[in-house]
Amino acid sequence: MVSTFGIPNQGCLLAEKSSSLWSYITDLESKYKSGYIDDEAEEKSLSQPSSKMMEHHSMENHGDDDIGSEDVGVFTVDDVRAFHVGRKLSTFFSIRNPSLYPGILPGEIADSIPFSSSETSKILQFFSVSPESPKGKAIKDTLRKCEIEPAKGETKICATSSESMLEFLKNAFGESDFKLISTSHPTMTTPTLQSYTILEPPREIESPKKVACHPLQYLYAIYMWHYDATETKIFKVPLVGDKGEKVDALIVCHMDTSAWSPKHTAFSLLGTKPGIPVCHAFSEGHGVWIKSSMPVATI
């Protein structure tokens, strides 16, 4: 399922807010109100350069010149391979409470809702959202991201339902079983920039296919899924912060960035250029699907 839908009889759909669809969405919004896209803390977190790393490879992002690559979890592959027990990393891990965010919609409901920038006005009207409100801006930004053409060798979708997620994974992995890995920090309650100590050498996780998954801001759950034809390496690195909070960090390394924009934030932070591998730590809520029962190697 792709990020735009051919939906018959949209005029009737958008005119009848008394429908079961409207009731379903309203119930979701009531249940998850505190975690929605007008939440100031979430907006602040998503403005961080580390969040911009999750955007499309061809996008031109510009970070703060005073921010170091390590502060936002961006590294070269040589940096990652040189990680050793006891090394200090000053970095930032955002916190995303899954219980405050809406669940994924069933396919029959998701398929009945327009999801295209060409129909932004209808979407905003249907959900009674002002175009210049935080929600309105987030809706437009997510639609824009979802309609950017994949980079060379990249396969991607914006999944709007559990069915479209499963279909994408099955197409990627075939008959193989798959599982999700992600960054976790179960004891951290406040996201802060602090110094972390590496507890164990990086563990490289092998898988013939690696599918990244990123949540996007919207009125209901939308996830961008993508994988590259070029080589990608993934590592888990156990850390402990100065305040005693433990983090099991997921780091993803894109080994061929030749198709990325020369103005991508990563190259500015690292002082490198397209073609040079780029690694970045995944924030909580973002993950990578891999083939089950794959070996883990210490480097």
C-alpha atoms as a PDB file:
ATOM      1  CA  MET A   1       0.000   0.000   0.000  1.00  0.00           C
ATOM      2  CA  VAL A   2       1.481   3.345  -0.997  1.00  0.00           C
ATOM      3  CA  SER A   3       1.091   6.793   0.462  1.00  0.00           C
ATOM      4  CA  THR A   4      -1.746   7.967  -1.780  1.00  0.00           C
ATOM      5  CA  PHE A   5      -5.125   6.361  -2.284  1.00  0.00           C
ATOM      6  CA  GLY A   6      -7.741   6.419  -5.001  1.00  0.00           C
ATOM      7  CA  ILE A   7     -10.852   6.872  -2.882  1.00  0.00           C
ATOM      8  CA  PRO A   8     -14.269   6.874  -4.527  1.00  0.00           C
ATOM      9  CA  ASN A   9     -17.057   9.185  -3.383  1.00  0.00           C
ATOM     10  CA  GLN A  10     -14.767  11.357  -1.226  1.00  0.00           C
ATOM     11  CA  GLY A  11     -17.272  14.213  -1.211  1.00  0.00           C
ATOM     12  CA  CYS A  12     -19.796  12.090   0.677  1.00  0.00           C
ATOM     13  CA  LEU A  13     -17.118  10.849   3.066  1.00  0.00           C
ATOM     14  CA  LEU A  14     -15.955  14.341   3.950  1.00  0.00           C
ATOM     15  CA  ALA A  15     -19.476  15.670   4.324  1.00  0.00           C
ATOM     16  CA  GLU A  16     -20.704  13.078   6.802  1.00  0.00           C
ATOM     17  CA  LYS A  17     -18.851  13.508  10.094  1.00  0.00           C
ATOM     18  CA  SER A  18     -21.565  11.532  11.831  1.00  0.00           C
ATOM     19  CA  SER A  19     -20.233   8.369  10.229  1.00  0.00           C
ATOM     20  CA  SER A  20     -18.601   5.554  12.177  1.00  0.00           C
ATOM     21  CA  LEU A  21     -15.246   6.732  10.784  1.00  0.00           C
ATOM     22  CA  TRP A  22     -15.545  10.124  12.445  1.00  0.00           C
ATOM     23  CA  SER A  23     -16.603   8.492  15.720  1.00  0.00           C
ATOM     24  CA  TYR A  24     -13.617   6.151  15.562  1.00  0.00           C
ATOM     25  CA  ILE A  25     -11.114   8.988  14.977  1.00  0.00           C
ATOM     26  CA  THR A  26     -12.730  11.182  17.628  1.00  0.00           C
ATOM     27  CA  ASP A  27     -12.440   8.342  20.128  1.00  0.00           C
ATOM     28  CA  LEU A  28      -8.750   7.936  19.275  1.00  0.00           C
ATOM     29  CA  GLU A  29      -8.117  11.640  19.733  1.00  0.00           C
ATOM     30  CA  SER A  30      -9.876  11.672  23.099  1.00  0.00           C
ATOM     31  CA  LYS A  31      -7.916   8.647  24.303  1.00  0.00           C
ATOM     32  CA  TYR A  32      -4.520   9.871  23.158  1.00  0.00           C
ATOM     33  CA  LYS A  33      -5.022  13.638  23.392  1.00  0.00           C
ATOM     34  CA  SER A  34      -1.939  14.334  25.529  1.00  0.00           C
ATOM     35  CA  GLY A  35       0.367  12.736  23.011  1.00  0.00           C
ATOM     36  CA  TYR A  36      -0.879  14.389  19.845  1.00  0.00           C
ATOM     37  CA  ILE A  37       1.057  16.551  17.446  1.00  0.00           C
ATOM     38  CA  ASP A  38       0.292  19.834  19.145  1.00  0.00           C
ATOM     39  CA  ASP A  39       2.242  18.633  22.175  1.00  0.00           C
ATOM     40  CA  GLU A  40       5.067  21.167  22.734  1.00  0.00           C
ATOM     41  CA  ALA A  41       7.544  18.640  24.077  1.00  0.00           C
ATOM     42  CA  GLU A  42       7.133  16.410  21.038  1.00  0.00           C
ATOM     43  CA  GLU A  43       7.525  19.375  18.708  1.00  0.00           C
ATOM     44  CA  LYS A  44      10.737  20.375  20.495  1.00  0.00           C
ATOM     45  CA  SER A  45      12.080  16.830  20.262  1.00  0.00           C
ATOM     46  CA  LEU A  46      11.280  16.597  16.558  1.00  0.00           C
ATOM     47  CA  SER A  47      13.112  19.868  15.894  1.00  0.00           C
ATOM     48  CA  GLN A  48      16.385  18.321  17.025  1.00  0.00           C
ATOM     49  CA  PRO A  49      18.965  17.529  14.310  1.00  0.00           C
ATOM     50  CA  SER A  50      18.894  13.889  15.430  1.00  0.00           C
ATOM     51  CA  SER A  51      15.239  13.702  14.413  1.00  0.00           C
ATOM     52  CA  LYS A  52      16.054  15.232  11.030  1.00  0.00           C
ATOM     53  CA  MET A  53      18.414  12.326  10.424  1.00  0.00           C
ATOM     54  CA  MET A  54      15.287  10.202  10.119  1.00  0.00           C
ATOM     55  CA  GLU A  55      14.179  12.179   7.075  1.00  0.00           C
ATOM     56  CA  HIS A  56      14.666  11.141   3.481  1.00  0.00           C
ATOM     57  CA  HIS A  57      18.250  10.669   2.230  1.00  0.00           C
ATOM     58  CA  SER A  58      17.827  13.230  -0.548  1.00  0.00           C
ATOM     59  CA  MET A  59      16.495  15.992   1.686  1.00  0.00           C
ATOM     60  CA  GLU A  60      18.552  19.092   2.379  1.00  0.00           C
ATOM     61  CA  ASN A  61      18.670  19.599   6.146  1.00  0.00           C
ATOM     62  CA  HIS A  62      20.548  22.262   8.031  1.00  0.00           C
ATOM     63  CA  GLY A  63      21.543  21.822  11.659  1.00  0.00           C
ATOM     64  CA  ASP A  64      22.980  24.194  14.243  1.00  0.00           C
ATOM     65  CA  ASP A  65      26.648  24.867  13.471  1.00  0.00           C
ATOM     66  CA  ASP A  66      27.391  24.836  17.209  1.00  0.00           C
ATOM     67  CA  ILE A  67      26.114  21.272  17.647  1.00  0.00           C
ATOM     68  CA  GLY A  68      28.623  18.443  17.406  1.00  0.00           C
ATOM     69  CA  SER A  69      27.840  15.218  15.594  1.00  0.00           C
ATOM     70  CA  GLU A  70      28.235  13.161  18.762  1.00  0.00           C
ATOM     71  CA  ASP A  71      25.731  15.372  20.616  1.00  0.00           C
ATOM     72  CA  VAL A  72      22.960  14.238  18.269  1.00  0.00           C
ATOM     73  CA  GLY A  73      24.113  10.661  17.808  1.00  0.00           C
ATOM     74  CA  VAL A  74      25.750  10.972  14.374  1.00  0.00           C
ATOM     75  CA  PHE A  75      29.015   9.119  13.725  1.00  0.00           C
ATOM     76  CA  THR A  76      31.281   7.743  11.018  1.00  0.00           C
ATOM     77  CA  VAL A  77      31.512   3.969  10.765  1.00  0.00           C
ATOM     78  CA  ASP A  78      35.122   4.248  11.936  1.00  0.00           C
ATOM     79  CA  ASP A  79      33.874   6.022  15.067  1.00  0.00           C
ATOM     80  CA  VAL A  80      31.504   3.145  15.815  1.00  0.00           C
ATOM     81  CA  ARG A  81      34.126   0.481  15.197  1.00  0.00           C
ATOM     82  CA  ALA A  82      36.457   2.333  17.574  1.00  0.00           C
ATOM     83  CA  PHE A  83      33.937   2.334  20.448  1.00  0.00           C
ATOM     84  CA  HIS A  84      35.454   0.593  23.460  1.00  0.00           C
ATOM     85  CA  VAL A  85      34.430  -0.146  27.035  1.00  0.00           C
ATOM     86  CA  GLY A  86      34.827   2.946  29.172  1.00  0.00           C
ATOM     87  CA  ARG A  87      34.707   5.481  26.348  1.00  0.00           C
ATOM     88  CA  LYS A  88      32.558   8.517  27.067  1.00  0.00           C
ATOM     89  CA  LEU A  89      29.897   9.744  24.651  1.00  0.00           C
ATOM     90  CA  SER A  90      28.083  13.030  25.164  1.00  0.00           C
ATOM     91  CA  THR A  91      24.774  12.573  23.385  1.00  0.00           C
ATOM     92  CA  PHE A  92      21.020  13.070  23.600  1.00  0.00           C
ATOM     93  CA  PHE A  93      18.287  10.420  23.595  1.00  0.00           C
ATOM     94  CA  SER A  94      14.712  11.609  23.273  1.00  0.00           C
ATOM     95  CA  ILE A  95      11.877   9.876  25.091  1.00  0.00           C
ATOM     96  CA  ARG A  96       8.640   8.832  23.438  1.00  0.00           C
ATOM     97  CA  ASN A  97       5.930   7.283  25.581  1.00  0.00           C
ATOM     98  CA  PRO A  98       4.078   4.838  23.290  1.00  0.00           C
ATOM     99  CA  SER A  99       1.050   4.848  25.599  1.00  0.00           C
ATOM    100  CA  LEU A 100       0.397   8.500  24.678  1.00  0.00           C
ATOM    101  CA  TYR A 101       0.272   7.950  20.930  1.00  0.00           C
ATOM    102  CA  PRO A 102      -2.550   6.617  18.776  1.00  0.00           C
ATOM    103  CA  GLY A 103      -2.553   3.048  17.613  1.00  0.00           C
ATOM    104  CA  ILE A 104      -2.535   2.084  13.953  1.00  0.00           C
ATOM    105  CA  LEU A 105      -5.882   2.179  12.158  1.00  0.00           C
ATOM    106  CA  PRO A 106      -7.546  -0.910  10.682  1.00  0.00           C
ATOM    107  CA  GLY A 107      -7.128  -1.120   6.923  1.00  0.00           C
ATOM    108  CA  GLU A 108     -10.810  -0.640   6.080  1.00  0.00           C
ATOM    109  CA  ILE A 109     -10.842   2.684   7.927  1.00  0.00           C
ATOM    110  CA  ALA A 110      -7.397   3.902   6.815  1.00  0.00           C
ATOM    111  CA  ASP A 111      -8.231   3.149   3.175  1.00  0.00           C
ATOM    112  CA  SER A 112     -11.326   5.352   3.361  1.00  0.00           C
ATOM    113  CA  ILE A 113      -9.402   8.468   4.443  1.00  0.00           C
ATOM    114  CA  PRO A 114      -7.633  10.672   1.868  1.00  0.00           C
ATOM    115  CA  PHE A 115      -3.850  10.707   2.314  1.00  0.00           C
ATOM    116  CA  SER A 116      -2.423  12.972  -0.376  1.00  0.00           C
ATOM    117  CA  SER A 117      -1.050  16.517  -0.434  1.00  0.00           C
ATOM    118  CA  SER A 118      -3.377  17.261  -3.344  1.00  0.00           C
ATOM    119  CA  GLU A 119      -6.268  16.790  -0.918  1.00  0.00           C
ATOM    120  CA  THR A 120      -4.810  18.592   2.078  1.00  0.00           C
ATOM    121  CA  SER A 121      -7.701  21.056   2.269  1.00  0.00           C
ATOM    122  CA  LYS A 122     -10.230  18.204   2.392  1.00  0.00           C
ATOM    123  CA  ILE A 123      -8.261  16.424   5.107  1.00  0.00           C
ATOM    124  CA  LEU A 124      -7.995  19.577   7.218  1.00  0.00           C
ATOM    125  CA  GLN A 125     -11.683  20.320   6.717  1.00  0.00           C
ATOM    126  CA  PHE A 126     -12.726  16.800   7.648  1.00  0.00           C
ATOM    127  CA  PHE A 127     -10.747  16.864  10.898  1.00  0.00           C
ATOM    128  CA  SER A 128     -11.604  20.527  11.611  1.00  0.00           C
ATOM    129  CA  VAL A 129      -7.930  21.488  11.734  1.00  0.00           C
ATOM    130  CA  SER A 130      -6.652  24.985  10.996  1.00  0.00           C
ATOM    131  CA  PRO A 131      -3.955  24.993   8.259  1.00  0.00           C
ATOM    132  CA  GLU A 132      -1.620  27.169  10.384  1.00  0.00           C
ATOM    133  CA  SER A 133      -2.117  25.288  13.657  1.00  0.00           C
ATOM    134  CA  PRO A 134       0.596  22.872  14.894  1.00  0.00           C
ATOM    135  CA  LYS A 135      -1.596  19.982  13.769  1.00  0.00           C
ATOM    136  CA  GLY A 136      -2.197  21.540  10.378  1.00  0.00           C
ATOM    137  CA  LYS A 137       1.507  22.155   9.791  1.00  0.00           C
ATOM    138  CA  ALA A 138       2.379  18.623  10.915  1.00  0.00           C
ATOM    139  CA  ILE A 139      -0.207  17.123   8.557  1.00  0.00           C
ATOM    140  CA  LYS A 140       1.207  19.044   5.597  1.00  0.00           C
ATOM    141  CA  ASP A 141       4.794  18.165   6.520  1.00  0.00           C
ATOM    142  CA  THR A 142       4.058  14.450   6.852  1.00  0.00           C
ATOM    143  CA  LEU A 143       2.249  14.361   3.513  1.00  0.00           C
ATOM    144  CA  ARG A 144       5.216  16.147   1.930  1.00  0.00           C
ATOM    145  CA  LYS A 145       7.704  13.645   3.365  1.00  0.00           C
ATOM    146  CA  CYS A 146       5.624  10.691   2.257  1.00  0.00           C
ATOM    147  CA  GLU A 147       5.486  11.921  -1.332  1.00  0.00           C
ATOM    148  CA  ILE A 148       9.217  12.483  -1.800  1.00  0.00           C
ATOM    149  CA  GLU A 149      10.522  10.088  -4.416  1.00  0.00           C
ATOM    150  CA  PRO A 150      12.679   7.262  -2.998  1.00  0.00           C
ATOM    151  CA  ALA A 151      16.419   7.701  -3.315  1.00  0.00           C
ATOM    152  CA  LYS A 152      18.241   5.503  -5.810  1.00  0.00           C
ATOM    153  CA  GLY A 153      18.086   1.903  -4.582  1.00  0.00           C
ATOM    154  CA  GLU A 154      15.588   2.736  -1.814  1.00  0.00           C
ATOM    155  CA  THR A 155      12.157   1.132  -1.368  1.00  0.00           C
ATOM    156  CA  LYS A 156       9.729   2.975   0.894  1.00  0.00           C
ATOM    157  CA  ILE A 157       6.109   3.549   1.838  1.00  0.00           C
ATOM    158  CA  CYS A 158       4.153   5.504   4.407  1.00  0.00           C
ATOM    159  CA  ALA A 159       2.029   2.828   6.049  1.00  0.00           C
ATOM    160  CA  THR A 160      -1.374   3.946   7.279  1.00  0.00           C
ATOM    161  CA  SER A 161      -2.679   0.627   8.589  1.00  0.00           C
ATOM    162  CA  SER A 162      -1.519  -2.601  10.201  1.00  0.00           C
ATOM    163  CA  GLU A 163      -2.324  -4.444   6.974  1.00  0.00           C
ATOM    164  CA  SER A 164      -0.058  -2.194   4.890  1.00  0.00           C
ATOM    165  CA  MET A 165       2.759  -2.628   7.416  1.00  0.00           C
ATOM    166  CA  LEU A 166       2.522  -6.403   7.322  1.00  0.00           C
ATOM    167  CA  GLU A 167       2.311  -6.447   3.531  1.00  0.00           C
ATOM    168  CA  PHE A 168       5.483  -4.344   3.244  1.00  0.00           C
ATOM    169  CA  LEU A 169       7.390  -6.594   5.646  1.00  0.00           C
ATOM    170  CA  LYS A 170       6.272  -9.759   3.843  1.00  0.00           C
ATOM    171  CA  ASN A 171       7.383  -8.286   0.522  1.00  0.00           C
ATOM    172  CA  ALA A 172      10.764  -7.464   2.050  1.00  0.00           C
ATOM    173  CA  PHE A 173      11.400 -10.723   3.916  1.00  0.00           C
ATOM    174  CA  GLY A 174       9.406 -13.243   1.912  1.00  0.00           C
ATOM    175  CA  GLU A 175       8.530 -16.332   3.932  1.00  0.00           C
ATOM    176  CA  SER A 176      11.124 -15.601   6.649  1.00  0.00           C
ATOM    177  CA  ASP A 177      10.096 -14.614  10.157  1.00  0.00           C
ATOM    178  CA  PHE A 178      11.083 -11.120  11.270  1.00  0.00           C
ATOM    179  CA  LYS A 179      11.450  -9.161  14.486  1.00  0.00           C
ATOM    180  CA  LEU A 180      11.878  -5.557  15.606  1.00  0.00           C
ATOM    181  CA  ILE A 181      14.960  -4.099  17.311  1.00  0.00           C
ATOM    182  CA  SER A 182      15.160  -0.565  18.677  1.00  0.00           C
ATOM    183  CA  THR A 183      16.769   1.728  21.218  1.00  0.00           C
ATOM    184  CA  SER A 184      15.514   1.206  24.753  1.00  0.00           C
ATOM    185  CA  HIS A 185      16.044   3.113  27.984  1.00  0.00           C
ATOM    186  CA  PRO A 186      13.491   1.772  30.477  1.00  0.00           C
ATOM    187  CA  THR A 187      14.684   3.797  33.486  1.00  0.00           C
ATOM    188  CA  MET A 188      15.061   7.210  31.811  1.00  0.00           C
ATOM    189  CA  THR A 189      12.287   9.667  32.620  1.00  0.00           C
ATOM    190  CA  THR A 190      13.740  12.986  31.420  1.00  0.00           C
ATOM    191  CA  PRO A 191      15.532  13.455  28.079  1.00  0.00           C
ATOM    192  CA  THR A 192      18.789  15.346  28.685  1.00  0.00           C
ATOM    193  CA  LEU A 193      22.112  15.809  26.962  1.00  0.00           C
ATOM    194  CA  GLN A 194      24.528  13.928  29.202  1.00  0.00           C
ATOM    195  CA  SER A 195      27.694  11.883  29.137  1.00  0.00           C
ATOM    196  CA  TYR A 196      27.307   8.134  28.607  1.00  0.00           C
ATOM    197  CA  THR A 197      29.876   5.420  29.247  1.00  0.00           C
ATOM    198  CA  ILE A 198      30.102   2.467  26.869  1.00  0.00           C
ATOM    199  CA  LEU A 199      29.558  -0.752  28.853  1.00  0.00           C
ATOM    200  CA  GLU A 200      30.310  -3.313  26.114  1.00  0.00           C
ATOM    201  CA  PRO A 201      31.836  -3.236  22.622  1.00  0.00           C
ATOM    202  CA  PRO A 202      29.320  -2.674  19.793  1.00  0.00           C
ATOM    203  CA  ARG A 203      27.448  -5.808  18.713  1.00  0.00           C
ATOM    204  CA  GLU A 204      26.817  -5.993  14.983  1.00  0.00           C
ATOM    205  CA  ILE A 205      23.489  -7.594  14.123  1.00  0.00           C
ATOM    206  CA  GLU A 206      23.422  -9.447  10.808  1.00  0.00           C
ATOM    207  CA  SER A 207      20.373  -9.701   8.561  1.00  0.00           C
ATOM    208  CA  PRO A 208      20.068 -10.080   4.768  1.00  0.00           C
ATOM    209  CA  LYS A 209      17.405  -7.365   4.789  1.00  0.00           C
ATOM    210  CA  LYS A 210      16.937  -4.483   7.235  1.00  0.00           C
ATOM    211  CA  VAL A 211      13.720  -2.446   7.170  1.00  0.00           C
ATOM    212  CA  ALA A 212      13.715   0.854   9.061  1.00  0.00           C
ATOM    213  CA  CYS A 213      10.506   2.166  10.587  1.00  0.00           C
ATOM    214  CA  HIS A 214       9.913   5.788  11.651  1.00  0.00           C
ATOM    215  CA  PRO A 215       6.769   7.276  13.261  1.00  0.00           C
ATOM    216  CA  LEU A 216       5.531  10.485  11.645  1.00  0.00           C
ATOM    217  CA  GLN A 217       3.387  13.214  13.178  1.00  0.00           C
ATOM    218  CA  TYR A 218      -0.224  12.925  12.099  1.00  0.00           C
ATOM    219  CA  LEU A 219      -3.781  12.713  13.408  1.00  0.00           C
ATOM    220  CA  TYR A 220      -3.493   8.937  13.575  1.00  0.00           C
ATOM    221  CA  ALA A 221      -0.525   6.572  13.431  1.00  0.00           C
ATOM    222  CA  ILE A 222       1.576   6.881  10.267  1.00  0.00           C
ATOM    223  CA  TYR A 223       4.915   5.106   9.863  1.00  0.00           C
ATOM    224  CA  MET A 224       7.515   5.561   7.156  1.00  0.00           C
ATOM    225  CA  TRP A 225       9.075   2.218   6.217  1.00  0.00           C
ATOM    226  CA  HIS A 226      12.106   1.925   3.969  1.00  0.00           C
ATOM    227  CA  TYR A 227      15.095  -0.200   3.071  1.00  0.00           C
ATOM    228  CA  ASP A 228      18.083   0.280   0.792  1.00  0.00           C
ATOM    229  CA  ALA A 229      19.497  -1.924  -1.926  1.00  0.00           C
ATOM    230  CA  THR A 230      22.918  -0.747  -0.755  1.00  0.00           C
ATOM    231  CA  GLU A 231      24.657  -2.118   2.336  1.00  0.00           C
ATOM    232  CA  THR A 232      23.422  -1.141   5.773  1.00  0.00           C
ATOM    233  CA  LYS A 233      24.994  -2.211   9.059  1.00  0.00           C
ATOM    234  CA  ILE A 234      23.291  -2.135  12.452  1.00  0.00           C
ATOM    235  CA  PHE A 235      24.819  -2.227  15.922  1.00  0.00           C
ATOM    236  CA  LYS A 236      23.607  -2.354  19.520  1.00  0.00           C
ATOM    237  CA  VAL A 237      25.688  -0.486  22.092  1.00  0.00           C
ATOM    238  CA  PRO A 238      24.923  -0.690  25.846  1.00  0.00           C
ATOM    239  CA  LEU A 239      25.503   2.620  27.646  1.00  0.00           C
ATOM    240  CA  VAL A 240      25.086   4.079  31.114  1.00  0.00           C
ATOM    241  CA  GLY A 241      24.602   7.788  31.735  1.00  0.00           C
ATOM    242  CA  ASP A 242      26.223   9.899  34.423  1.00  0.00           C
ATOM    243  CA  LYS A 243      22.868   9.819  36.237  1.00  0.00           C
ATOM    244  CA  GLY A 244      22.856   5.996  36.231  1.00  0.00           C
ATOM    245  CA  GLU A 245      20.279   5.582  33.461  1.00  0.00           C
ATOM    246  CA  LYS A 246      21.002   2.693  31.107  1.00  0.00           C
ATOM    247  CA  VAL A 247      20.438   2.847  27.358  1.00  0.00           C
ATOM    248  CA  ASP A 248      20.676  -0.009  24.864  1.00  0.00           C
ATOM    249  CA  ALA A 249      21.313   2.121  21.784  1.00  0.00           C
ATOM    250  CA  LEU A 250      20.566   1.065  18.218  1.00  0.00           C
ATOM    251  CA  ILE A 251      22.992   2.551  15.681  1.00  0.00           C
ATOM    252  CA  VAL A 252      22.362   2.255  11.945  1.00  0.00           C
ATOM    253  CA  CYS A 253      25.181   2.775   9.419  1.00  0.00           C
ATOM    254  CA  HIS A 254      24.425   3.584   5.785  1.00  0.00           C
ATOM    255  CA  MET A 255      27.528   2.332   4.004  1.00  0.00           C
ATOM    256  CA  ASP A 256      26.814   3.969   0.628  1.00  0.00           C
ATOM    257  CA  THR A 257      25.555   7.563   0.790  1.00  0.00           C
ATOM    258  CA  SER A 258      26.449   8.481  -2.790  1.00  0.00           C
ATOM    259  CA  ALA A 259      22.759   9.147  -3.616  1.00  0.00           C
ATOM    260  CA  TRP A 260      22.238  11.500  -0.639  1.00  0.00           C
ATOM    261  CA  SER A 261      22.020  15.252  -1.032  1.00  0.00           C
ATOM    262  CA  PRO A 262      25.407  16.980  -0.526  1.00  0.00           C
ATOM    263  CA  LYS A 263      23.576  19.382   1.806  1.00  0.00           C
ATOM    264  CA  HIS A 264      22.312  16.653   4.124  1.00  0.00           C
ATOM    265  CA  THR A 265      22.781  17.529   7.805  1.00  0.00           C
ATOM    266  CA  ALA A 266      24.946  14.462   8.415  1.00  0.00           C
ATOM    267  CA  PHE A 267      27.687  15.594   6.057  1.00  0.00           C
ATOM    268  CA  SER A 268      27.768  19.026   7.673  1.00  0.00           C
ATOM    269  CA  LEU A 269      28.029  17.523  11.146  1.00  0.00           C
ATOM    270  CA  LEU A 270      30.708  14.996  10.207  1.00  0.00           C
ATOM    271  CA  GLY A 271      32.640  17.140   7.742  1.00  0.00           C
ATOM    272  CA  THR A 272      32.241  14.469   5.058  1.00  0.00           C
ATOM    273  CA  LYS A 273      30.559  14.196   1.663  1.00  0.00           C
ATOM    274  CA  PRO A 274      28.242  11.836  -0.248  1.00  0.00           C
ATOM    275  CA  GLY A 275      29.655   8.352  -0.617  1.00  0.00           C
ATOM    276  CA  ILE A 276      31.161   8.292   2.879  1.00  0.00           C
ATOM    277  CA  PRO A 277      29.304   5.995   5.351  1.00  0.00           C
ATOM    278  CA  VAL A 278      27.021   7.732   7.847  1.00  0.00           C
ATOM    279  CA  CYS A 279      25.904   6.197  11.148  1.00  0.00           C
ATOM    280  CA  HIS A 280      23.217   7.534  13.461  1.00  0.00           C
ATOM    281  CA  ALA A 281      21.603   6.428  16.700  1.00  0.00           C
ATOM    282  CA  PHE A 282      17.885   5.705  16.523  1.00  0.00           C
ATOM    283  CA  SER A 283      15.603   7.524  18.945  1.00  0.00           C
ATOM    284  CA  GLU A 284      13.082   5.568  20.968  1.00  0.00           C
ATOM    285  CA  GLY A 285      10.023   4.803  18.861  1.00  0.00           C
ATOM    286  CA  HIS A 286      12.090   4.283  15.708  1.00  0.00           C
ATOM    287  CA  GLY A 287      13.248   0.761  14.881  1.00  0.00           C
ATOM    288  CA  VAL A 288      14.622  -1.732  12.388  1.00  0.00           C
ATOM    289  CA  TRP A 289      12.957  -4.980  11.385  1.00  0.00           C
ATOM    290  CA  ILE A 290      15.370  -7.853  10.763  1.00  0.00           C
ATOM    291  CA  LYS A 291      15.171 -11.533   9.942  1.00  0.00           C
ATOM    292  CA  SER A 292      14.622 -13.596  13.087  1.00  0.00           C
ATOM    293  CA  SER A 293      17.354 -15.850  14.506  1.00  0.00           C
ATOM    294  CA  MET A 294      20.235 -13.866  13.079  1.00  0.00           C
ATOM    295  CA  PRO A 295      23.702 -13.990  14.699  1.00  0.00           C
ATOM    296  CA  VAL A 296      25.136 -11.155  16.795  1.00  0.00           C
ATOM    297  CA  ALA A 297      28.858 -10.439  16.467  1.00  0.00           C
ATOM    298  CA  THR A 298      31.049  -8.316  18.748  1.00  0.00           C
ATOM    299  CA  ILE A 299      33.447  -6.028  16.891  1.00  0.00           C
END
